Amino acid sequence: MNREKRRAFLYFVVVEEADRGRGLGAAAIGALEAQLRSGGIRSLGLHVFSHNTSALRLYERFGFRVTSVNMQKDL
């Protein structure tokens, strides 16, 4: 978290496979956003792999947008 720039970055979120689809991820993101807002944070970033479509949908529902693209080449 960078309080001076009012930014935070979410590094790691895991919902056990057996518990997915029950709204736990949405509840966690919602609670985190509320906590950050109350602390004066105005921006939240995160990284998600492109193959993690369920997480992508979750983050998009919360208003996250793509801001960069990583590329890789196997040698």
PDB file of N, CA and C in Angstrom:
ATOM      1  N   MET A   1       0.841  -1.165   0.000  1.00  0.00           N
ATOM      2  CA  MET A   1       0.000   0.000   0.000  1.00  0.00           C
ATOM      3  C   MET A   1       0.891   1.234   0.000  1.00  0.00           C
ATOM      4  N   ASN A   2       0.519   2.189  -0.796  1.00  0.00           N
ATOM      5  CA  ASN A   2       1.239   3.451  -0.850  1.00  0.00           C
ATOM      6  C   ASN A   2       0.272   4.552  -0.434  1.00  0.00           C
ATOM      7  N   ARG A   3       0.328   4.903   0.851  1.00  0.00           N
ATOM      8  CA  ARG A   3      -0.624   5.898   1.375  1.00  0.00           C
ATOM      9  C   ARG A   3      -0.413   7.272   0.749  1.00  0.00           C
ATOM     10  N   GLU A   4       0.833   7.604   0.451  1.00  0.00           N
ATOM     11  CA  GLU A   4       1.113   8.908  -0.150  1.00  0.00           C
ATOM     12  C   GLU A   4       0.415   9.044  -1.501  1.00  0.00           C
ATOM     13  N   LYS A   5       0.466   7.999  -2.300  1.00  0.00           N
ATOM     14  CA  LYS A   5      -0.172   8.027  -3.615  1.00  0.00           C
ATOM     15  C   LYS A   5      -1.595   7.487  -3.570  1.00  0.00           C
ATOM     16  N   ARG A   6      -2.024   7.048  -2.378  1.00  0.00           N
ATOM     17  CA  ARG A   6      -3.381   6.531  -2.164  1.00  0.00           C
ATOM     18  C   ARG A   6      -3.684   5.329  -3.040  1.00  0.00           C
ATOM     19  N   ARG A   7      -2.687   4.416  -3.134  1.00  0.00           N
ATOM     20  CA  ARG A   7      -2.835   3.212  -3.953  1.00  0.00           C
ATOM     21  C   ARG A   7      -2.571   1.970  -3.121  1.00  0.00           C
ATOM     22  N   ALA A   8      -3.235   0.890  -3.492  1.00  0.00           N
ATOM     23  CA  ALA A   8      -2.973  -0.416  -2.886  1.00  0.00           C
ATOM     24  C   ALA A   8      -2.911  -1.442  -4.010  1.00  0.00           C
ATOM     25  N   PHE A   9      -2.240  -2.558  -3.736  1.00  0.00           N
ATOM     26  CA  PHE A   9      -2.135  -3.632  -4.714  1.00  0.00           C
ATOM     27  C   PHE A   9      -2.457  -4.938  -4.014  1.00  0.00           C
ATOM     28  N   LEU A  10      -3.382  -5.690  -4.578  1.00  0.00           N
ATOM     29  CA  LEU A  10      -3.792  -6.980  -4.036  1.00  0.00           C
ATOM     30  C   LEU A  10      -2.902  -8.050  -4.657  1.00  0.00           C
ATOM     31  N   TYR A  11      -2.115  -8.722  -3.818  1.00  0.00           N
ATOM     32  CA  TYR A  11      -1.132  -9.665  -4.340  1.00  0.00           C
ATOM     33  C   TYR A  11      -1.619 -11.097  -4.449  1.00  0.00           C
ATOM     34  N   PHE A  12      -2.526 -11.529  -3.601  1.00  0.00           N
ATOM     35  CA  PHE A  12      -2.830 -12.952  -3.596  1.00  0.00           C
ATOM     36  C   PHE A  12      -4.225 -13.187  -3.038  1.00  0.00           C
ATOM     37  N   VAL A  13      -5.064 -13.872  -3.797  1.00  0.00           N
ATOM     38  CA  VAL A  13      -6.398 -14.260  -3.333  1.00  0.00           C
ATOM     39  C   VAL A  13      -6.611 -15.713  -3.716  1.00  0.00           C
ATOM     40  N   VAL A  14      -7.070 -16.508  -2.767  1.00  0.00           N
ATOM     41  CA  VAL A  14      -7.375 -17.910  -3.047  1.00  0.00           C
ATOM     42  C   VAL A  14      -8.707 -18.262  -2.402  1.00  0.00           C
ATOM     43  N   VAL A  15      -9.585 -18.869  -3.177  1.00  0.00           N
ATOM     44  CA  VAL A  15     -10.789 -19.485  -2.636  1.00  0.00           C
ATOM     45  C   VAL A  15     -10.671 -20.961  -2.983  1.00  0.00           C
ATOM     46  N   GLU A  16     -10.730 -21.802  -1.971  1.00  0.00           N
ATOM     47  CA  GLU A  16     -10.620 -23.242  -2.201  1.00  0.00           C
ATOM     48  C   GLU A  16     -11.642 -23.682  -3.246  1.00  0.00           C
ATOM     49  N   GLU A  17     -11.250 -24.628  -4.082  1.00  0.00           N
ATOM     50  CA  GLU A  17     -12.109 -25.070  -5.173  1.00  0.00           C
ATOM     51  C   GLU A  17     -13.486 -25.504  -4.680  1.00  0.00           C
ATOM     52  N   ALA A  18     -13.533 -26.201  -3.567  1.00  0.00           N
ATOM     53  CA  ALA A  18     -14.811 -26.684  -3.025  1.00  0.00           C
ATOM     54  C   ALA A  18     -15.721 -25.542  -2.580  1.00  0.00           C
ATOM     55  N   ASP A  19     -15.146 -24.369  -2.326  1.00  0.00           N
ATOM     56  CA  ASP A  19     -15.921 -23.229  -1.838  1.00  0.00           C
ATOM     57  C   ASP A  19     -16.224 -22.192  -2.914  1.00  0.00           C
ATOM     58  N   ARG A  20     -15.784 -22.427  -4.127  1.00  0.00           N
ATOM     59  CA  ARG A  20     -16.005 -21.462  -5.204  1.00  0.00           C
ATOM     60  C   ARG A  20     -17.473 -21.433  -5.619  1.00  0.00           C
ATOM     61  N   GLY A  21     -17.892 -20.288  -6.121  1.00  0.00           N
ATOM     62  CA  GLY A  21     -19.270 -20.141  -6.578  1.00  0.00           C
ATOM     63  C   GLY A  21     -20.247 -19.806  -5.472  1.00  0.00           C
ATOM     64  N   ARG A  22     -19.741 -19.512  -4.288  1.00  0.00           N
ATOM     65  CA  ARG A  22     -20.602 -19.208  -3.140  1.00  0.00           C
ATOM     66  C   ARG A  22     -20.545 -17.737  -2.742  1.00  0.00           C
ATOM     67  N   GLY A  23     -19.865 -16.916  -3.534  1.00  0.00           N
ATOM     68  CA  GLY A  23     -19.815 -15.488  -3.257  1.00  0.00           C
ATOM     69  C   GLY A  23     -18.719 -15.067  -2.298  1.00  0.00           C
ATOM     70  N   LEU A  24     -17.823 -15.987  -1.943  1.00  0.00           N
ATOM     71  CA  LEU A  24     -16.765 -15.653  -0.989  1.00  0.00           C
ATOM     72  C   LEU A  24     -15.773 -14.648  -1.565  1.00  0.00           C
ATOM     73  N   GLY A  25     -15.400 -14.835  -2.817  1.00  0.00           N
ATOM     74  CA  GLY A  25     -14.475 -13.894  -3.452  1.00  0.00           C
ATOM     75  C   GLY A  25     -15.081 -12.504  -3.543  1.00  0.00           C
ATOM     76  N   ALA A  26     -16.347 -12.438  -3.934  1.00  0.00           N
ATOM     77  CA  ALA A  26     -17.026 -11.146  -4.026  1.00  0.00           C
ATOM     78  C   ALA A  26     -17.122 -10.484  -2.658  1.00  0.00           C
ATOM     79  N   ALA A  27     -17.426 -11.266  -1.639  1.00  0.00           N
ATOM     80  CA  ALA A  27     -17.509 -10.712  -0.281  1.00  0.00           C
ATOM     81  C   ALA A  27     -16.154 -10.175   0.164  1.00  0.00           C
ATOM     82  N   ALA A  28     -15.096 -10.910  -0.149  1.00  0.00           N
ATOM     83  CA  ALA A  28     -13.750 -10.482   0.248  1.00  0.00           C
ATOM     84  C   ALA A  28     -13.348  -9.195  -0.470  1.00  0.00           C
ATOM     85  N   ILE A  29     -13.596  -9.132  -1.767  1.00  0.00           N
ATOM     86  CA  ILE A  29     -13.246  -7.931  -2.530  1.00  0.00           C
ATOM     87  C   ILE A  29     -14.064  -6.737  -2.040  1.00  0.00           C
ATOM     88  N   GLY A  30     -15.341  -6.946  -1.808  1.00  0.00           N
ATOM     89  CA  GLY A  30     -16.189  -5.865  -1.315  1.00  0.00           C
ATOM     90  C   GLY A  30     -15.729  -5.340   0.034  1.00  0.00           C
ATOM     91  N   ALA A  31     -15.380  -6.254   0.938  1.00  0.00           N
ATOM     92  CA  ALA A  31     -14.905  -5.846   2.266  1.00  0.00           C
ATOM     93  C   ALA A  31     -13.566  -5.119   2.170  1.00  0.00           C
ATOM     94  N   LEU A  32     -12.681  -5.622   1.313  1.00  0.00           N
ATOM     95  CA  LEU A  32     -11.383  -4.972   1.132  1.00  0.00           C
ATOM     96  C   LEU A  32     -11.556  -3.559   0.591  1.00  0.00           C
ATOM     97  N   GLU A  33     -12.400  -3.407  -0.430  1.00  0.00           N
ATOM     98  CA  GLU A  33     -12.625  -2.078  -0.997  1.00  0.00           C
ATOM     99  C   GLU A  33     -13.162  -1.111   0.054  1.00  0.00           C
ATOM    100  N   ALA A  34     -14.096  -1.558   0.864  1.00  0.00           N
ATOM    101  CA  ALA A  34     -14.659  -0.695   1.909  1.00  0.00           C
ATOM    102  C   ALA A  34     -13.584  -0.273   2.905  1.00  0.00           C
ATOM    103  N   GLN A  35     -12.745  -1.222   3.299  1.00  0.00           N
ATOM    104  CA  GLN A  35     -11.674  -0.924   4.250  1.00  0.00           C
ATOM    105  C   GLN A  35     -10.673   0.065   3.656  1.00  0.00           C
ATOM    106  N   LEU A  36     -10.306  -0.146   2.407  1.00  0.00           N
ATOM    107  CA  LEU A  36      -9.351   0.753   1.759  1.00  0.00           C
ATOM    108  C   LEU A  36      -9.924   2.156   1.600  1.00  0.00           C
ATOM    109  N   ARG A  37     -11.181   2.238   1.177  1.00  0.00           N
ATOM    110  CA  ARG A  37     -11.817   3.557   1.034  1.00  0.00           C
ATOM    111  C   ARG A  37     -11.824   4.311   2.359  1.00  0.00           C
ATOM    112  N   SER A  38     -12.157   3.601   3.434  1.00  0.00           N
ATOM    113  CA  SER A  38     -12.220   4.265   4.740  1.00  0.00           C
ATOM    114  C   SER A  38     -10.840   4.730   5.197  1.00  0.00           C
ATOM    115  N   GLY A  39      -9.794   4.117   4.651  1.00  0.00           N
ATOM    116  CA  GLY A  39      -8.433   4.522   4.973  1.00  0.00           C
ATOM    117  C   GLY A  39      -7.853   5.540   4.011  1.00  0.00           C
ATOM    118  N   GLY A  40      -8.670   6.041   3.093  1.00  0.00           N
ATOM    119  CA  GLY A  40      -8.214   7.074   2.174  1.00  0.00           C
ATOM    120  C   GLY A  40      -7.571   6.566   0.904  1.00  0.00           C
ATOM    121  N   ILE A  41      -7.573   5.255   0.687  1.00  0.00           N
ATOM    122  CA  ILE A  41      -6.994   4.694  -0.536  1.00  0.00           C
ATOM    123  C   ILE A  41      -7.986   4.892  -1.676  1.00  0.00           C
ATOM    124  N   ARG A  42      -7.484   5.318  -2.830  1.00  0.00           N
ATOM    125  CA  ARG A  42      -8.349   5.644  -3.966  1.00  0.00           C
ATOM    126  C   ARG A  42      -8.148   4.741  -5.181  1.00  0.00           C
ATOM    127  N   SER A  43      -7.155   3.855  -5.140  1.00  0.00           N
ATOM    128  CA  SER A  43      -6.871   3.000  -6.287  1.00  0.00           C
ATOM    129  C   SER A  43      -6.418   1.629  -5.801  1.00  0.00           C
ATOM    130  N   LEU A  44      -6.964   0.578  -6.404  1.00  0.00           N
ATOM    131  CA  LEU A  44      -6.592  -0.798  -6.066  1.00  0.00           C
ATOM    132  C   LEU A  44      -6.210  -1.526  -7.342  1.00  0.00           C
ATOM    133  N   GLY A  45      -5.019  -2.089  -7.365  1.00  0.00           N
ATOM    134  CA  GLY A  45      -4.552  -2.853  -8.511  1.00  0.00           C
ATOM    135  C   GLY A  45      -4.382  -4.314  -8.141  1.00  0.00           C
ATOM    136  N   LEU A  46      -4.296  -5.163  -9.156  1.00  0.00           N
ATOM    137  CA  LEU A  46      -4.054  -6.588  -8.936  1.00  0.00           C
ATOM    138  C   LEU A  46      -3.553  -7.216 -10.221  1.00  0.00           C
ATOM    139  N   HIS A  47      -3.074  -8.437 -10.116  1.00  0.00           N
ATOM    140  CA  HIS A  47      -2.659  -9.222 -11.279  1.00  0.00           C
ATOM    141  C   HIS A  47      -3.523 -10.464 -11.324  1.00  0.00           C
ATOM    142  N   VAL A  48      -3.966 -10.832 -12.508  1.00  0.00           N
ATOM    143  CA  VAL A  48      -4.729 -12.071 -12.681  1.00  0.00           C
ATOM    144  C   VAL A  48      -4.283 -12.705 -13.995  1.00  0.00           C
ATOM    145  N   PHE A  49      -4.103 -14.026 -13.973  1.00  0.00           N
ATOM    146  CA  PHE A  49      -3.704 -14.739 -15.184  1.00  0.00           C
ATOM    147  C   PHE A  49      -4.875 -14.809 -16.160  1.00  0.00           C
ATOM    148  N   SER A  50      -4.585 -14.696 -17.443  1.00  0.00           N
ATOM    149  CA  SER A  50      -5.636 -14.655 -18.461  1.00  0.00           C
ATOM    150  C   SER A  50      -6.455 -15.940 -18.517  1.00  0.00           C
ATOM    151  N   HIS A  51      -5.887 -17.066 -18.088  1.00  0.00           N
ATOM    152  CA  HIS A  51      -6.648 -18.322 -18.115  1.00  0.00           C
ATOM    153  C   HIS A  51      -7.612 -18.457 -16.938  1.00  0.00           C
ATOM    154  N   ASN A  52      -7.529 -17.561 -15.963  1.00  0.00           N
ATOM    155  CA  ASN A  52      -8.395 -17.607 -14.784  1.00  0.00           C
ATOM    156  C   ASN A  52      -9.668 -16.802 -15.068  1.00  0.00           C
ATOM    157  N   THR A  53     -10.514 -17.369 -15.917  1.00  0.00           N
ATOM    158  CA  THR A  53     -11.679 -16.635 -16.404  1.00  0.00           C
ATOM    159  C   THR A  53     -12.684 -16.305 -15.307  1.00  0.00           C
ATOM    160  N   SER A  54     -12.831 -17.163 -14.315  1.00  0.00           N
ATOM    161  CA  SER A  54     -13.784 -16.854 -13.243  1.00  0.00           C
ATOM    162  C   SER A  54     -13.312 -15.650 -12.434  1.00  0.00           C
ATOM    163  N   ALA A  55     -12.011 -15.557 -12.177  1.00  0.00           N
ATOM    164  CA  ALA A  55     -11.477 -14.397 -11.456  1.00  0.00           C
ATOM    165  C   ALA A  55     -11.595 -13.139 -12.315  1.00  0.00           C
ATOM    166  N   LEU A  56     -11.322 -13.259 -13.604  1.00  0.00           N
ATOM    167  CA  LEU A  56     -11.465 -12.111 -14.502  1.00  0.00           C
ATOM    168  C   LEU A  56     -12.886 -11.563 -14.459  1.00  0.00           C
ATOM    169  N   ARG A  57     -13.868 -12.458 -14.521  1.00  0.00           N
ATOM    170  CA  ARG A  57     -15.267 -12.019 -14.467  1.00  0.00           C
ATOM    171  C   ARG A  57     -15.580 -11.331 -13.142  1.00  0.00           C
ATOM    172  N   LEU A  58     -15.084 -11.903 -12.048  1.00  0.00           N
ATOM    173  CA  LEU A  58     -15.310 -11.303 -10.734  1.00  0.00           C
ATOM    174  C   LEU A  58     -14.755  -9.884 -10.689  1.00  0.00           C
ATOM    175  N   TYR A  59     -13.502  -9.726 -11.093  1.00  0.00           N
ATOM    176  CA  TYR A  59     -12.872  -8.413 -11.027  1.00  0.00           C
ATOM    177  C   TYR A  59     -13.554  -7.415 -11.961  1.00  0.00           C
ATOM    178  N   GLU A  60     -13.976  -7.870 -13.134  1.00  0.00           N
ATOM    179  CA  GLU A  60     -14.688  -6.987 -14.055  1.00  0.00           C
ATOM    180  C   GLU A  60     -16.010  -6.523 -13.452  1.00  0.00           C
ATOM    181  N   ARG A  61     -16.699  -7.409 -12.740  1.00  0.00           N
ATOM    182  CA  ARG A  61     -17.951  -7.014 -12.074  1.00  0.00           C
ATOM    183  C   ARG A  61     -17.708  -5.918 -11.042  1.00  0.00           C
ATOM    184  N   PHE A  62     -16.528  -5.909 -10.453  1.00  0.00           N
ATOM    185  CA  PHE A  62     -16.187  -4.890  -9.466  1.00  0.00           C
ATOM    186  C   PHE A  62     -15.572  -3.643 -10.097  1.00  0.00           C
ATOM    187  N   GLY A  63     -15.534  -3.599 -11.427  1.00  0.00           N
ATOM    188  CA  GLY A  63     -15.076  -2.393 -12.109  1.00  0.00           C
ATOM    189  C   GLY A  63     -13.598  -2.349 -12.445  1.00  0.00           C
ATOM    190  N   PHE A  64     -12.872  -3.441 -12.216  1.00  0.00           N
ATOM    191  CA  PHE A  64     -11.460  -3.462 -12.606  1.00  0.00           C
ATOM    192  C   PHE A  64     -11.377  -3.479 -14.127  1.00  0.00           C
ATOM    193  N   ARG A  65     -10.307  -2.897 -14.659  1.00  0.00           N
ATOM    194  CA  ARG A  65     -10.082  -2.876 -16.099  1.00  0.00           C
ATOM    195  C   ARG A  65      -8.619  -3.222 -16.384  1.00  0.00           C
ATOM    196  N   VAL A  66      -8.371  -3.721 -17.565  1.00  0.00           N
ATOM    197  CA  VAL A  66      -7.016  -4.082 -17.971  1.00  0.00           C
ATOM    198  C   VAL A  66      -6.204  -2.808 -18.159  1.00  0.00           C
ATOM    199  N   THR A  67      -5.007  -2.781 -17.537  1.00  0.00           N
ATOM    200  CA  THR A  67      -4.136  -1.614 -17.668  1.00  0.00           C
ATOM    201  C   THR A  67      -2.780  -1.967 -18.260  1.00  0.00           C
ATOM    202  N   SER A  68      -2.474  -3.268 -18.372  1.00  0.00           N
ATOM    203  CA  SER A  68      -1.216  -3.683 -18.990  1.00  0.00           C
ATOM    204  C   SER A  68      -1.353  -5.123 -19.464  1.00  0.00           C
ATOM    205  N   VAL A  69      -0.412  -5.527 -20.310  1.00  0.00           N
ATOM    206  CA  VAL A  69      -0.381  -6.888 -20.836  1.00  0.00           C
ATOM    207  C   VAL A  69       1.042  -7.396 -20.713  1.00  0.00           C
ATOM    208  N   ASN A  70       1.214  -8.589 -20.158  1.00  0.00           N
ATOM    209  CA  ASN A  70       2.526  -9.234 -20.093  1.00  0.00           C
ATOM    210  C   ASN A  70       2.640 -10.216 -21.244  1.00  0.00           C
ATOM    211  N   MET A  71       3.841 -10.344 -21.779  1.00  0.00           N
ATOM    212  CA  MET A  71       4.064 -11.285 -22.874  1.00  0.00           C
ATOM    213  C   MET A  71       5.227 -12.198 -22.524  1.00  0.00           C
ATOM    214  N   GLN A  72       5.228 -13.392 -23.135  1.00  0.00           N
ATOM    215  CA  GLN A  72       6.278 -14.378 -22.882  1.00  0.00           C
ATOM    216  C   GLN A  72       6.483 -15.209 -24.133  1.00  0.00           C
ATOM    217  N   LYS A  73       7.707 -15.686 -24.292  1.00  0.00           N
ATOM    218  CA  LYS A  73       8.028 -16.563 -25.411  1.00  0.00           C
ATOM    219  C   LYS A  73       8.855 -17.717 -24.879  1.00  0.00           C
ATOM    220  N   ASP A  74       8.448 -18.934 -25.214  1.00  0.00           N
ATOM    221  CA  ASP A  74       9.242 -20.104 -24.846  1.00  0.00           C
ATOM    222  C   ASP A  74      10.403 -20.240 -25.821  1.00  0.00           C
ATOM    223  N   LEU A  75      11.573 -20.569 -25.296  1.00  0.00           N
ATOM    224  CA  LEU A  75      12.762 -20.737 -26.139  1.00  0.00           C
ATOM    225  C   LEU A  75      13.200 -22.180 -26.153  1.00  0.00           C
TER     226      LEU A  75
END
